[in-house]
Amino acid sequence: MYKLHNELRHYAWGSRTAMAELFGRTASGEPEAELWIGAHPDSPSHLEVDGERTALDDLLASDPDSLLGTSVATAHGRLPFLLKVLAAGAPLSLQVHPTLAQARRGFAAENAAGVPRDATYRNYRDDNHKPEMLYALTEFTALCGFRQLSESAQLLRTLAVAVQDPLASAELERLARILDDDGHEDPLGTVFAGLLNMDDAGREAHDTALKSLANDGGTDPALLAAAALAEDYPKDPGPVLSLLLNLVTLKEGEAIWLPAGNVHAYLEGLGIEVMSSSDNVLRGGLTEKHVDVDELMKTVDFTPLDVPRVHINRTPDGEELLQPPCSEFQLQRITFDGDANRVPLSQNGPCLVLAVHGEVTLTSGMDELTLAPGESAFVPASEAPTTLTPRTNTETVLAFGVTVPSQEADRP
């Protein structure tokens, strides 16, 4: 077992207080957006090996069969998951992630074209896909996937009535009719592209109308959310595009699943984010960063769906196991509430463990490692089975473990 040192990223949208309050430490004074825990080469965790600081990805490359397990090393060739603590104090960009085939193709093409890995206009940072799951630690608001066409059409019509610019109003009405047309070959793709490519005059008219609707009170929550986004991102396509998406508020302990092609944006809240080990993002709005409209349109899955909530399997002793439909990861939530006891880590090969509240001790054979709030560890596949025990029985202790689903790994 190895205690990890992780990179904290200070993006402008990050909360200045949420992560510090979660872990019971002093805030840095900067926006604290994402704590990366894993072996992604852009921000790998580090650890001490024989007195020397070593990157986790370098350690794994030195002995993959032992550290990852033969099955995981063969199937993935890397630690297949990345764990983040995400603290959104302001909206993140409207974005989508590619499929594995799209990521491999796009990464190879940009490499062949000589696009630098750190170029601001690069679309593909690596050759992997990025399905992800967000587990809410507080109330968490997000946009996630396309809502039903009739709902989007009604929202666009409400906005069209409020828009003062006749051309912009007529265009919104035209797009609403497309959503109502059962015979249209690609209604969502056509409307999404139309809103994405709207000129500045149309976007300004939308912003003004959204502000007017919000001031009138009693407006649909989706329109109120779009109005708030327009305040932060004037003349941006994101606020009106948000009307096509499900607006969801997760309660603490709920989770959503975001596969490839799912357009989404995290708006506010604190959560545990687990994903395939990738940093591939195609943006479509709510951002000043690079937006490649053509590549974005190839990546989006234009299928309406209900909010993709993740089912949580609860055991009698209070554990929770979240298993989204992917081969890279599952999440285990472990709670000790007053009674000292011992819980086995759901460890199918390699595992990452994060302590959130209280101190927890990991035990494997004769080895022990204690984690304080905010600390994390990597547990090699060869060290299974591992158990978790609270240091005291006087407080609630909360920890999370991430591993691959059992069918993907070597059995202990």
Protein backbone atom coordinates (compact mmCIF):
# COMPACT_ATOMS: atom_id res chain seq x y z
CA MET A 1 0.00 0.00 0.00
CA TYR A 2 1.21 3.46 -0.86
CA LYS A 3 0.04 6.82 0.51
CA LEU A 4 -0.41 9.25 -2.39
CA HIS A 5 0.40 12.91 -2.93
CA ASN A 6 -2.10 14.40 -5.38
CA GLU A 7 -2.38 17.50 -7.54
CA LEU A 8 -5.02 20.09 -6.64
CA ARG A 9 -6.11 22.07 -9.70
CA HIS A 10 -7.13 25.71 -9.26
CA TYR A 11 -9.54 26.35 -12.13
CA ALA A 12 -11.52 29.60 -11.99
CA TRP A 13 -14.84 27.76 -11.55
CA GLY A 14 -13.66 25.98 -8.40
CA SER A 15 -15.10 26.70 -4.97
CA ARG A 16 -12.84 28.59 -2.56
CA THR A 17 -14.24 26.84 0.51
CA ALA A 18 -16.02 23.54 -0.27
CA MET A 19 -13.03 21.19 -0.46
CA ALA A 20 -11.31 22.71 2.56
CA GLU A 21 -14.51 22.38 4.60
CA LEU A 22 -14.94 18.79 3.44
CA PHE A 23 -11.49 17.74 4.66
CA GLY A 24 -11.36 20.04 7.71
CA ARG A 25 -8.36 22.08 6.62
CA THR A 26 -7.57 25.72 5.97
CA ALA A 27 -8.61 27.01 2.56
CA SER A 28 -5.78 28.00 0.23
CA GLY A 29 -7.42 31.26 -0.79
CA GLU A 30 -7.57 30.14 -4.42
CA PRO A 31 -10.40 28.41 -6.28
CA GLU A 32 -9.99 24.70 -5.48
CA ALA A 33 -11.65 22.86 -8.36
CA GLU A 34 -10.34 19.30 -8.76
CA LEU A 35 -8.17 16.95 -6.73
CA TRP A 36 -6.75 14.35 -9.14
CA ILE A 37 -6.05 10.88 -7.70
CA GLY A 38 -4.63 8.31 -10.10
CA ALA A 39 -2.01 7.68 -12.77
CA HIS A 40 -3.08 9.89 -15.68
CA PRO A 41 0.21 11.16 -17.21
CA ASP A 42 -0.94 14.80 -17.17
CA SER A 43 -1.23 14.87 -13.36
CA PRO A 44 -0.16 11.55 -11.84
CA SER A 45 -0.25 11.03 -8.10
CA HIS A 46 3.15 10.61 -6.46
CA LEU A 47 4.38 8.32 -3.70
CA GLU A 48 7.54 7.42 -1.81
CA VAL A 49 9.50 4.35 -2.94
CA ASP A 50 12.79 3.62 -1.14
CA GLY A 51 12.97 7.22 -0.03
CA GLU A 52 12.46 8.65 -3.51
CA ARG A 53 9.41 10.46 -4.88
CA THR A 54 7.94 8.45 -7.78
CA ALA A 55 5.00 9.08 -10.10
CA LEU A 56 2.30 6.42 -9.84
CA ASP A 57 2.24 5.84 -13.60
CA ASP A 58 6.00 5.17 -13.56
CA LEU A 59 5.63 2.73 -10.66
CA LEU A 60 2.85 0.83 -12.45
CA ALA A 61 4.94 0.57 -15.62
CA SER A 62 7.74 -1.06 -13.63
CA ASP A 63 5.68 -4.11 -12.59
CA PRO A 64 2.19 -4.09 -14.15
CA ASP A 65 1.34 -7.76 -13.52
CA SER A 66 1.85 -7.45 -9.76
CA LEU A 67 0.54 -3.93 -9.25
CA LEU A 68 -2.40 -3.99 -11.67
CA GLY A 69 -3.02 -7.71 -11.84
CA THR A 70 -2.52 -9.72 -15.03
CA SER A 71 -6.11 -9.32 -16.27
CA VAL A 72 -6.20 -5.54 -15.79
CA ALA A 73 -2.71 -5.10 -17.24
CA THR A 74 -3.70 -7.15 -20.31
CA ALA A 75 -7.13 -5.58 -20.81
CA HIS A 76 -6.20 -1.95 -20.18
CA GLY A 77 -2.43 -1.57 -20.07
CA ARG A 78 -2.76 1.13 -17.40
CA LEU A 79 -4.63 1.98 -14.23
CA PRO A 80 -8.02 2.15 -15.95
CA PHE A 81 -9.71 4.69 -13.67
CA LEU A 82 -9.16 8.19 -12.36
CA LEU A 83 -10.69 9.52 -9.13
CA LYS A 84 -11.36 13.21 -8.56
CA VAL A 85 -12.88 15.33 -5.84
CA LEU A 86 -14.74 18.05 -7.76
CA ALA A 87 -15.89 21.33 -6.17
CA ALA A 88 -17.93 23.46 -8.56
CA GLY A 89 -18.48 26.99 -7.29
CA ALA A 90 -19.51 28.13 -10.77
CA PRO A 91 -20.61 26.30 -13.95
CA LEU A 92 -18.16 24.16 -15.89
CA SER A 93 -18.17 24.15 -19.67
CA LEU A 94 -20.89 22.42 -21.67
CA GLN A 95 -19.03 19.34 -22.86
CA VAL A 96 -19.05 15.81 -24.24
CA HIS A 97 -16.56 12.95 -24.23
CA PRO A 98 -15.65 10.71 -27.20
CA THR A 99 -15.98 6.96 -27.61
CA LEU A 100 -12.85 4.85 -27.40
CA ALA A 101 -12.66 4.57 -31.20
CA GLN A 102 -13.10 8.33 -31.63
CA ALA A 103 -10.42 9.06 -29.03
CA ARG A 104 -7.89 6.72 -30.63
CA ARG A 105 -8.59 8.09 -34.10
CA GLY A 106 -8.54 11.74 -33.03
CA PHE A 107 -5.40 11.40 -30.88
CA ALA A 108 -3.50 9.68 -33.70
CA ALA A 109 -4.63 12.27 -36.25
CA GLU A 110 -3.55 15.22 -34.09
CA ASN A 111 -0.21 13.56 -33.37
CA ALA A 112 0.33 12.97 -37.09
CA ALA A 113 -0.51 16.62 -37.75
CA GLY A 114 2.10 17.71 -35.22
CA VAL A 115 -0.36 19.35 -32.81
CA PRO A 116 1.47 19.84 -29.47
CA ARG A 117 0.01 17.88 -26.56
CA ASP A 118 -0.46 21.09 -24.56
CA ALA A 119 -1.88 23.21 -27.42
CA THR A 120 -5.01 25.12 -26.41
CA TYR A 121 -6.68 24.13 -29.69
CA ARG A 122 -6.04 20.42 -29.30
CA ASN A 123 -9.15 18.20 -28.95
CA TYR A 124 -7.60 14.90 -27.83
CA ARG A 125 -5.11 14.85 -24.94
CA ASP A 126 -4.82 11.05 -24.92
CA ASP A 127 -6.08 7.95 -26.75
CA ASN A 128 -8.71 6.88 -24.22
CA HIS A 129 -12.43 7.43 -23.78
CA LYS A 130 -13.84 9.10 -20.68
CA PRO A 131 -17.09 7.61 -19.40
CA GLU A 132 -17.69 9.10 -15.95
CA MET A 133 -19.87 9.00 -12.87
CA LEU A 134 -20.60 11.84 -10.44
CA TYR A 135 -21.49 10.98 -6.83
CA ALA A 136 -22.91 13.95 -4.90
CA LEU A 137 -21.36 14.79 -1.53
CA THR A 138 -23.64 17.82 -1.25
CA GLU A 139 -26.66 18.94 -3.23
CA PHE A 140 -25.32 19.01 -6.78
CA THR A 141 -26.84 20.68 -9.84
CA ALA A 142 -26.02 19.60 -13.39
CA LEU A 143 -27.18 19.52 -16.98
CA CYS A 144 -27.14 15.97 -18.24
CA GLY A 145 -28.30 14.49 -21.57
CA PHE A 146 -31.09 15.60 -23.89
CA ARG A 147 -34.59 16.03 -22.46
CA GLN A 148 -37.65 14.85 -24.38
CA LEU A 149 -38.20 16.73 -27.66
CA SER A 150 -41.64 18.08 -26.73
CA GLU A 151 -40.26 19.62 -23.54
CA SER A 152 -37.42 21.33 -25.41
CA ALA A 153 -39.83 22.61 -28.06
CA GLN A 154 -42.04 24.20 -25.40
CA LEU A 155 -39.05 25.90 -23.74
CA LEU A 156 -37.85 27.30 -27.08
CA ARG A 157 -41.36 28.63 -27.80
CA THR A 158 -41.56 30.31 -24.40
CA LEU A 159 -38.24 31.99 -25.13
CA ALA A 160 -39.34 32.93 -28.66
CA VAL A 161 -42.34 34.84 -27.30
CA ALA A 162 -40.07 36.83 -24.96
CA VAL A 163 -37.42 37.63 -27.60
CA GLN A 164 -37.83 41.16 -28.97
CA ASP A 165 -35.74 40.64 -32.11
CA PRO A 166 -38.17 39.39 -34.82
CA LEU A 167 -35.52 37.39 -36.68
CA ALA A 168 -34.25 35.67 -33.54
CA SER A 169 -37.81 34.95 -32.38
CA ALA A 170 -38.76 33.46 -35.75
CA GLU A 171 -35.65 31.28 -35.74
CA LEU A 172 -36.48 29.87 -32.31
CA GLU A 173 -40.01 29.09 -33.49
CA ARG A 174 -38.59 27.37 -36.59
CA LEU A 175 -36.32 25.21 -34.44
CA ALA A 176 -39.22 24.36 -32.12
CA ARG A 177 -41.23 23.13 -35.12
CA ILE A 178 -38.34 20.86 -36.11
CA LEU A 179 -38.46 19.25 -32.66
CA ASP A 180 -42.19 18.67 -33.12
CA ASP A 181 -41.74 17.10 -36.56
CA ASP A 182 -41.99 13.32 -36.15
CA GLY A 183 -40.73 12.82 -39.70
CA HIS A 184 -37.54 14.86 -39.33
CA GLU A 185 -34.45 12.70 -39.78
CA ASP A 186 -32.28 14.39 -37.14
CA PRO A 187 -34.30 16.90 -35.10
CA LEU A 188 -31.95 17.26 -32.13
CA GLY A 189 -28.80 17.44 -34.26
CA THR A 190 -30.35 20.09 -36.50
CA VAL A 191 -31.59 22.22 -33.59
CA PHE A 192 -28.38 21.80 -31.60
CA ALA A 193 -26.32 22.94 -34.61
CA GLY A 194 -28.70 25.84 -35.25
CA LEU A 195 -28.35 27.16 -31.70
CA LEU A 196 -24.61 26.51 -31.63
CA ASN A 197 -24.07 28.56 -34.80
CA MET A 198 -26.41 31.44 -33.92
CA ASP A 199 -24.88 34.87 -34.61
CA ASP A 200 -24.05 37.38 -31.86
CA ALA A 201 -27.21 39.42 -32.46
CA GLY A 202 -29.37 36.35 -31.89
CA ARG A 203 -27.45 35.36 -28.77
CA GLU A 204 -27.76 38.85 -27.34
CA ALA A 205 -31.50 38.77 -27.98
CA HIS A 206 -31.71 35.42 -26.18
CA ASP A 207 -29.78 36.79 -23.19
CA THR A 208 -32.10 39.78 -22.87
CA ALA A 209 -35.20 37.61 -23.11
CA LEU A 210 -33.91 35.13 -20.54
CA LYS A 211 -33.22 37.98 -18.12
CA SER A 212 -36.74 39.32 -18.68
CA LEU A 213 -38.30 35.89 -18.04
CA ALA A 214 -36.28 35.44 -14.86
CA ASN A 215 -37.36 38.85 -13.57
CA ASP A 216 -41.04 38.01 -14.17
CA GLY A 217 -40.93 35.19 -11.61
CA GLY A 218 -42.69 31.84 -11.76
CA THR A 219 -40.58 30.76 -14.74
CA ASP A 220 -39.72 27.14 -15.49
CA PRO A 221 -36.53 26.08 -13.60
CA ALA A 222 -34.79 25.32 -16.91
CA LEU A 223 -35.33 28.92 -18.07
CA LEU A 224 -34.16 30.30 -14.73
CA ALA A 225 -31.01 28.18 -14.96
CA ALA A 226 -30.43 29.38 -18.54
CA ALA A 227 -30.87 32.99 -17.41
CA ALA A 228 -28.26 32.52 -14.67
CA LEU A 229 -25.86 31.02 -17.21
CA ALA A 230 -26.41 33.97 -19.55
CA GLU A 231 -25.36 36.34 -16.77
CA ASP A 232 -22.01 34.53 -16.49
CA TYR A 233 -21.56 33.80 -20.21
CA PRO A 234 -23.12 36.58 -22.33
CA LYS A 235 -23.42 35.93 -26.07
CA ASP A 236 -22.49 32.29 -25.48
CA PRO A 237 -24.47 29.43 -27.08
CA GLY A 238 -24.50 27.48 -23.81
CA PRO A 239 -27.46 29.13 -22.04
CA VAL A 240 -29.94 28.38 -24.84
CA LEU A 241 -28.41 24.97 -25.55
CA SER A 242 -29.07 24.16 -21.89
CA LEU A 243 -32.82 24.24 -22.70
CA LEU A 244 -32.32 21.04 -24.68
CA LEU A 245 -30.82 19.24 -21.68
CA ASN A 246 -32.13 17.64 -18.51
CA LEU A 247 -31.68 19.89 -15.49
CA VAL A 248 -31.03 17.68 -12.48
CA THR A 249 -30.41 18.37 -8.81
CA LEU A 250 -28.82 15.44 -7.02
CA LYS A 251 -29.27 14.97 -3.30
CA GLU A 252 -26.29 13.96 -1.21
CA GLY A 253 -25.62 10.29 -1.93
CA GLU A 254 -27.14 10.22 -5.42
CA ALA A 255 -25.15 9.68 -8.61
CA ILE A 256 -25.41 10.10 -12.38
CA TRP A 257 -23.72 8.22 -15.20
CA LEU A 258 -22.27 10.07 -18.21
CA PRO A 259 -21.27 7.78 -21.09
CA ALA A 260 -19.62 8.85 -24.34
CA GLY A 261 -21.71 11.28 -26.36
CA ASN A 262 -23.68 12.61 -23.37
CA VAL A 263 -23.72 16.43 -23.40
CA HIS A 264 -23.44 17.72 -19.85
CA ALA A 265 -22.28 20.53 -17.60
CA TYR A 266 -21.76 20.58 -13.84
CA LEU A 267 -23.26 23.78 -12.42
CA GLU A 268 -22.71 23.77 -8.66
CA GLY A 269 -21.87 21.37 -5.86
CA LEU A 270 -19.29 19.06 -4.34
CA GLY A 271 -18.86 15.50 -5.52
CA ILE A 272 -16.73 12.44 -6.12
CA GLU A 273 -16.07 12.01 -9.84
CA VAL A 274 -14.85 8.67 -11.17
CA MET A 275 -13.95 8.14 -14.80
CA SER A 276 -11.83 6.20 -17.22
CA SER A 277 -8.28 7.54 -17.08
CA SER A 278 -8.60 10.25 -19.71
CA ASP A 279 -8.74 14.02 -20.13
CA ASN A 280 -10.52 14.16 -23.50
CA VAL A 281 -13.15 16.91 -23.60
CA LEU A 282 -15.03 18.43 -26.57
CA ARG A 283 -16.61 21.74 -25.50
CA GLY A 284 -19.74 23.38 -26.86
CA GLY A 285 -20.38 26.40 -24.66
CA LEU A 286 -20.09 28.10 -21.26
CA THR A 287 -16.39 28.54 -21.91
CA GLU A 288 -13.73 30.77 -23.37
CA LYS A 289 -11.69 27.71 -24.32
CA HIS A 290 -11.38 26.10 -27.75
CA VAL A 291 -14.65 24.92 -29.35
CA ASP A 292 -14.34 22.72 -32.45
CA VAL A 293 -17.90 22.68 -33.76
CA ASP A 294 -17.29 20.04 -36.45
CA GLU A 295 -15.60 17.60 -34.07
CA LEU A 296 -18.20 18.27 -31.40
CA MET A 297 -21.06 17.40 -33.77
CA LYS A 298 -19.38 14.09 -34.63
CA THR A 299 -19.12 13.21 -30.93
CA VAL A 300 -22.57 14.03 -29.53
CA ASP A 301 -25.19 11.29 -29.17
CA PHE A 302 -28.44 13.03 -30.20
CA THR A 303 -30.77 10.69 -28.33
CA PRO A 304 -33.27 11.98 -25.74
CA LEU A 305 -33.10 10.16 -22.42
CA ASP A 306 -34.23 10.34 -18.83
CA VAL A 307 -31.72 11.46 -16.23
CA PRO A 308 -29.19 8.58 -16.13
CA ARG A 309 -29.13 7.96 -12.41
CA VAL A 310 -26.90 5.20 -11.05
CA HIS A 311 -28.51 2.46 -8.97
CA ILE A 312 -26.87 2.09 -5.57
CA ASN A 313 -26.58 -1.38 -4.08
CA ARG A 314 -26.80 -1.13 -0.29
CA THR A 315 -25.60 -3.88 2.02
CA PRO A 316 -27.01 -4.57 5.53
CA ASP A 317 -23.91 -3.09 7.20
CA GLY A 318 -24.32 0.27 5.44
CA GLU A 319 -21.91 -0.08 2.54
CA GLU A 320 -22.87 1.22 -0.87
CA LEU A 321 -21.62 -0.10 -4.19
CA LEU A 322 -22.15 1.82 -7.43
CA GLN A 323 -21.57 -0.17 -10.61
CA PRO A 324 -22.20 1.82 -13.81
CA PRO A 325 -22.30 -0.05 -17.13
CA CYS A 326 -18.58 0.12 -17.95
CA SER A 327 -15.54 -2.11 -17.61
CA GLU A 328 -13.20 0.45 -16.06
CA PHE A 329 -14.53 1.21 -12.58
CA GLN A 330 -16.94 0.81 -9.72
CA LEU A 331 -17.23 2.92 -6.56
CA GLN A 332 -17.54 1.68 -2.98
CA ARG A 333 -18.78 4.02 -0.23
CA ILE A 334 -17.80 2.84 3.26
CA THR A 335 -19.29 4.43 6.38
CA PHE A 336 -18.49 3.71 10.01
CA ASP A 337 -20.99 5.36 12.31
CA GLY A 338 -20.19 5.01 16.00
CA ASP A 339 -19.35 1.31 16.25
CA ALA A 340 -15.77 0.26 15.51
CA ASN A 341 -15.81 -2.55 12.97
CA ARG A 342 -13.97 -3.86 9.95
CA VAL A 343 -15.09 -3.74 6.33
CA PRO A 344 -13.43 -5.56 3.42
CA LEU A 345 -12.37 -3.38 0.53
CA SER A 346 -14.18 -4.34 -2.67
CA GLN A 347 -10.90 -4.93 -4.45
CA ASN A 348 -10.90 -6.49 -7.90
CA GLY A 349 -7.29 -5.89 -8.85
CA PRO A 350 -5.81 -2.42 -8.15
CA CYS A 351 -7.68 0.02 -5.94
CA LEU A 352 -7.65 3.69 -4.95
CA VAL A 353 -8.91 4.63 -1.49
CA LEU A 354 -9.85 8.14 -0.31
CA ALA A 355 -10.63 9.11 3.30
CA VAL A 356 -13.21 11.89 3.54
CA HIS A 357 -14.34 12.11 7.17
CA GLY A 358 -12.37 10.72 10.12
CA GLU A 359 -9.27 8.52 10.04
CA VAL A 360 -9.35 5.04 8.56
CA THR A 361 -6.74 2.28 8.68
CA LEU A 362 -6.09 -0.04 5.74
CA THR A 363 -4.79 -3.51 6.62
CA SER A 364 -3.33 -6.07 4.24
CA GLY A 365 -1.59 -9.02 5.86
CA MET A 366 0.89 -7.53 8.31
CA ASP A 367 0.91 -4.11 6.62
CA GLU A 368 -1.11 -1.13 7.83
CA LEU A 369 -1.61 2.38 6.50
CA THR A 370 -3.67 5.13 8.15
CA LEU A 371 -5.37 7.87 6.13
CA ALA A 372 -6.60 11.19 7.53
CA PRO A 373 -9.36 13.22 5.83
CA GLY A 374 -8.25 14.22 2.34
CA GLU A 375 -5.54 11.55 2.18
CA SER A 376 -5.56 8.68 -0.29
CA ALA A 377 -3.77 5.45 -1.08
CA PHE A 378 -3.04 3.07 -3.92
CA VAL A 379 -3.50 -0.61 -3.07
CA PRO A 380 -1.83 -3.01 -5.55
CA ALA A 381 -3.69 -6.03 -6.86
CA SER A 382 -1.15 -8.28 -5.17
CA GLU A 383 -2.12 -6.95 -1.72
CA ALA A 384 -5.73 -8.16 -1.78
CA PRO A 385 -7.58 -8.77 0.44
CA THR A 386 -7.51 -5.43 2.25
CA THR A 387 -9.77 -4.31 5.09
CA LEU A 388 -10.71 -0.87 6.41
CA THR A 389 -11.09 -0.04 10.11
CA PRO A 390 -11.92 3.31 11.76
CA ARG A 391 -9.24 4.68 14.09
CA THR A 392 -11.90 5.54 16.69
CA ASN A 393 -15.55 4.73 17.26
CA THR A 394 -16.45 8.24 18.41
CA GLU A 395 -17.19 9.84 15.05
CA THR A 396 -18.65 9.06 11.68
CA VAL A 397 -15.95 7.89 9.28
CA LEU A 398 -16.44 8.02 5.51
CA ALA A 399 -14.16 6.58 2.85
CA PHE A 400 -14.40 5.67 -0.84
CA GLY A 401 -12.74 2.90 -2.79
CA VAL A 402 -12.45 2.63 -6.58
CA THR A 403 -11.60 -0.57 -8.42
CA VAL A 404 -12.57 -2.38 -11.62
CA PRO A 405 -15.71 -4.57 -11.80
CA SER A 406 -15.02 -8.14 -10.72
CA GLN A 407 -15.32 -9.71 -14.16
CA GLU A 408 -12.42 -7.57 -15.40
CA ALA A 409 -9.92 -8.55 -12.75
CA ASP A 410 -7.92 -11.39 -11.29
CA ARG A 411 -9.70 -13.04 -8.40
CA PRO A 412 -7.73 -12.92 -5.10
